[in-house]
Amino acid sequence: MKATKRVRKAAGRSDILETVHATVKGLHRHGLVSKGTMQHFDSLCLSPVATFKPAEIAELRRREGVSQPVFAAYLNVAKTSVSKWERGENKPDRAALKLLTLVKNKGLKAIA
């Protein structure tokens, strides 16, 4: 009996999407799905990026037990950016939202 490789579920993905993705990946491996189609399918399967209210950013930082300068260093942004996000003066850009989503789902260790 051949052992089947278990697909690790990505955060935010359903079991059905995981199964379909594994199937398409297998088809690609056997030359039945083009590289471009596989890349397009991969992009459709990315985890959704959350939006954050100022209080949610502050709570996320506090949950991780770090100061604004340390949180900013993890996110590779200026300390003033974190401060302005938490006060609602500015909003994180798309790259920062992706990192904040990772921190929300997996903690700071995910981006360390």
C-alpha atoms as a PDB file:
ATOM      1  CA  MET A   1       0.000   0.000   0.000  1.00  0.00           C
ATOM      2  CA  LYS A   2       1.398   3.387  -1.010  1.00  0.00           C
ATOM      3  CA  ALA A   3       1.558   6.039   1.721  1.00  0.00           C
ATOM      4  CA  THR A   4      -0.102   9.326   0.885  1.00  0.00           C
ATOM      5  CA  LYS A   5       1.597  12.595   1.657  1.00  0.00           C
ATOM      6  CA  ARG A   6      -0.502  14.762   3.945  1.00  0.00           C
ATOM      7  CA  VAL A   7      -0.919  18.368   2.834  1.00  0.00           C
ATOM      8  CA  ARG A   8      -0.330  20.907   5.592  1.00  0.00           C
ATOM      9  CA  LYS A   9      -3.262  23.278   5.857  1.00  0.00           C
ATOM     10  CA  ALA A  10      -2.462  26.965   5.477  1.00  0.00           C
ATOM     11  CA  ALA A  11      -4.094  29.424   7.850  1.00  0.00           C
ATOM     12  CA  GLY A  12      -7.450  30.604   6.581  1.00  0.00           C
ATOM     13  CA  ARG A  13      -7.871  27.868   3.965  1.00  0.00           C
ATOM     14  CA  SER A  14     -10.711  25.391   3.851  1.00  0.00           C
ATOM     15  CA  ASP A  15     -10.194  21.637   3.562  1.00  0.00           C
ATOM     16  CA  ILE A  16     -11.824  21.718   0.121  1.00  0.00           C
ATOM     17  CA  LEU A  17      -9.463  24.420  -1.135  1.00  0.00           C
ATOM     18  CA  GLU A  18      -6.485  22.486   0.235  1.00  0.00           C
ATOM     19  CA  THR A  19      -7.618  19.351  -1.610  1.00  0.00           C
ATOM     20  CA  VAL A  20      -8.233  21.184  -4.879  1.00  0.00           C
ATOM     21  CA  HIS A  21      -4.866  22.938  -4.615  1.00  0.00           C
ATOM     22  CA  ALA A  22      -3.064  19.641  -4.010  1.00  0.00           C
ATOM     23  CA  THR A  23      -4.845  18.126  -7.029  1.00  0.00           C
ATOM     24  CA  VAL A  24      -3.921  21.002  -9.349  1.00  0.00           C
ATOM     25  CA  LYS A  25      -0.350  20.885  -8.055  1.00  0.00           C
ATOM     26  CA  GLY A  26      -0.211  17.191  -8.920  1.00  0.00           C
ATOM     27  CA  LEU A  27      -1.580  17.880 -12.397  1.00  0.00           C
ATOM     28  CA  HIS A  28       1.080  20.552 -12.860  1.00  0.00           C
ATOM     29  CA  ARG A  29       3.801  18.152 -11.730  1.00  0.00           C
ATOM     30  CA  HIS A  30       2.680  15.715 -14.447  1.00  0.00           C
ATOM     31  CA  GLY A  31       2.603  18.404 -17.125  1.00  0.00           C
ATOM     32  CA  LEU A  32      -1.183  18.637 -17.408  1.00  0.00           C
ATOM     33  CA  VAL A  33      -1.404  22.185 -16.018  1.00  0.00           C
ATOM     34  CA  SER A  34       0.869  24.961 -17.316  1.00  0.00           C
ATOM     35  CA  LYS A  35       3.261  26.925 -15.113  1.00  0.00           C
ATOM     36  CA  GLY A  36       1.248  30.111 -15.711  1.00  0.00           C
ATOM     37  CA  THR A  37      -2.009  28.427 -14.722  1.00  0.00           C
ATOM     38  CA  MET A  38      -0.371  27.008 -11.598  1.00  0.00           C
ATOM     39  CA  GLN A  39       0.993  30.441 -10.644  1.00  0.00           C
ATOM     40  CA  HIS A  40      -2.447  31.989 -11.179  1.00  0.00           C
ATOM     41  CA  PHE A  41      -4.064  29.266  -9.081  1.00  0.00           C
ATOM     42  CA  ASP A  42      -1.466  29.750  -6.325  1.00  0.00           C
ATOM     43  CA  SER A  43      -2.257  33.465  -6.209  1.00  0.00           C
ATOM     44  CA  LEU A  44      -5.982  32.712  -5.856  1.00  0.00           C
ATOM     45  CA  CYS A  45      -5.239  30.450  -2.896  1.00  0.00           C
ATOM     46  CA  LEU A  46      -3.312  32.991  -0.830  1.00  0.00           C
ATOM     47  CA  SER A  47      -4.599  33.644   2.648  1.00  0.00           C
ATOM     48  CA  PRO A  48      -6.779  36.746   2.834  1.00  0.00           C
ATOM     49  CA  VAL A  49      -5.234  39.870   4.322  1.00  0.00           C
ATOM     50  CA  ALA A  50      -7.158  41.436   7.185  1.00  0.00           C
ATOM     51  CA  THR A  51      -7.805  45.102   7.742  1.00  0.00           C
ATOM     52  CA  PHE A  52      -7.075  46.520  11.176  1.00  0.00           C
ATOM     53  CA  LYS A  53      -8.635  49.290  13.222  1.00  0.00           C
ATOM     54  CA  PRO A  54      -6.226  51.413  15.288  1.00  0.00           C
ATOM     55  CA  ALA A  55      -7.286  49.728  18.542  1.00  0.00           C
ATOM     56  CA  GLU A  56      -6.749  46.280  16.993  1.00  0.00           C
ATOM     57  CA  ILE A  57      -3.165  47.142  16.051  1.00  0.00           C
ATOM     58  CA  ALA A  58      -2.469  48.388  19.566  1.00  0.00           C
ATOM     59  CA  GLU A  59      -4.066  45.269  21.071  1.00  0.00           C
ATOM     60  CA  LEU A  60      -2.066  43.011  18.761  1.00  0.00           C
ATOM     61  CA  ARG A  61       1.172  44.717  19.812  1.00  0.00           C
ATOM     62  CA  ARG A  62       0.249  44.468  23.500  1.00  0.00           C
ATOM     63  CA  ARG A  63      -0.716  40.815  23.087  1.00  0.00           C
ATOM     64  CA  GLU A  64       2.782  40.171  21.762  1.00  0.00           C
ATOM     65  CA  GLY A  65       4.234  42.039  24.737  1.00  0.00           C
ATOM     66  CA  VAL A  66       6.419  44.494  22.840  1.00  0.00           C
ATOM     67  CA  SER A  67       6.854  48.261  22.697  1.00  0.00           C
ATOM     68  CA  GLN A  68       6.077  50.345  19.622  1.00  0.00           C
ATOM     69  CA  PRO A  69       9.771  50.565  18.614  1.00  0.00           C
ATOM     70  CA  VAL A  70      10.240  46.797  18.919  1.00  0.00           C
ATOM     71  CA  PHE A  71       6.992  46.083  17.041  1.00  0.00           C
ATOM     72  CA  ALA A  72       8.109  48.522  14.329  1.00  0.00           C
ATOM     73  CA  ALA A  73      11.455  46.733  14.045  1.00  0.00           C
ATOM     74  CA  TYR A  74       9.705  43.378  13.531  1.00  0.00           C
ATOM     75  CA  LEU A  75       7.518  44.926  10.813  1.00  0.00           C
ATOM     76  CA  ASN A  76      10.477  46.820   9.285  1.00  0.00           C
ATOM     77  CA  VAL A  77       8.684  50.161   9.547  1.00  0.00           C
ATOM     78  CA  ALA A  78       9.418  53.404  11.396  1.00  0.00           C
ATOM     79  CA  LYS A  79       8.358  53.618  15.048  1.00  0.00           C
ATOM     80  CA  THR A  80       6.305  56.666  14.111  1.00  0.00           C
ATOM     81  CA  SER A  81       4.331  54.509  11.657  1.00  0.00           C
ATOM     82  CA  VAL A  82       3.170  52.160  14.424  1.00  0.00           C
ATOM     83  CA  SER A  83       2.305  55.129  16.619  1.00  0.00           C
ATOM     84  CA  LYS A  84       0.266  56.769  13.844  1.00  0.00           C
ATOM     85  CA  TRP A  85      -1.521  53.480  13.031  1.00  0.00           C
ATOM     86  CA  GLU A  86      -2.523  53.083  16.665  1.00  0.00           C
ATOM     87  CA  ARG A  87      -3.830  56.657  16.810  1.00  0.00           C
ATOM     88  CA  GLY A  88      -5.671  56.313  13.498  1.00  0.00           C
ATOM     89  CA  GLU A  89      -3.657  59.044  11.783  1.00  0.00           C
ATOM     90  CA  ASN A  90      -2.347  56.691   9.072  1.00  0.00           C
ATOM     91  CA  LYS A  91      -3.200  53.204   7.835  1.00  0.00           C
ATOM     92  CA  PRO A  92      -0.741  50.367   7.189  1.00  0.00           C
ATOM     93  CA  ASP A  93       0.101  49.756   3.539  1.00  0.00           C
ATOM     94  CA  ARG A  94      -0.596  46.383   1.901  1.00  0.00           C
ATOM     95  CA  ALA A  95       2.789  44.894   2.799  1.00  0.00           C
ATOM     96  CA  ALA A  96       2.404  45.926   6.442  1.00  0.00           C
ATOM     97  CA  LEU A  97      -1.159  44.519   6.468  1.00  0.00           C
ATOM     98  CA  LYS A  98       0.201  41.168   5.297  1.00  0.00           C
ATOM     99  CA  LEU A  99       2.748  41.164   8.128  1.00  0.00           C
ATOM    100  CA  LEU A 100       0.136  42.248  10.681  1.00  0.00           C
ATOM    101  CA  THR A 101      -2.114  39.417   9.498  1.00  0.00           C
ATOM    102  CA  LEU A 102       0.736  36.933   9.970  1.00  0.00           C
ATOM    103  CA  VAL A 103       1.387  38.279  13.471  1.00  0.00           C
ATOM    104  CA  LYS A 104      -2.316  38.078  14.281  1.00  0.00           C
ATOM    105  CA  ASN A 105      -2.554  34.451  13.114  1.00  0.00           C
ATOM    106  CA  LYS A 106       0.844  33.096  14.174  1.00  0.00           C
ATOM    107  CA  GLY A 107       2.520  35.586  16.490  1.00  0.00           C
ATOM    108  CA  LEU A 108       5.722  37.574  16.084  1.00  0.00           C
ATOM    109  CA  LYS A 109       7.734  34.371  15.762  1.00  0.00           C
ATOM    110  CA  ALA A 110       6.266  34.006  12.252  1.00  0.00           C
ATOM    111  CA  ILE A 111       8.125  37.084  11.023  1.00  0.00           C
ATOM    112  CA  ALA A 112      11.223  36.960  13.252  1.00  0.00           C
END
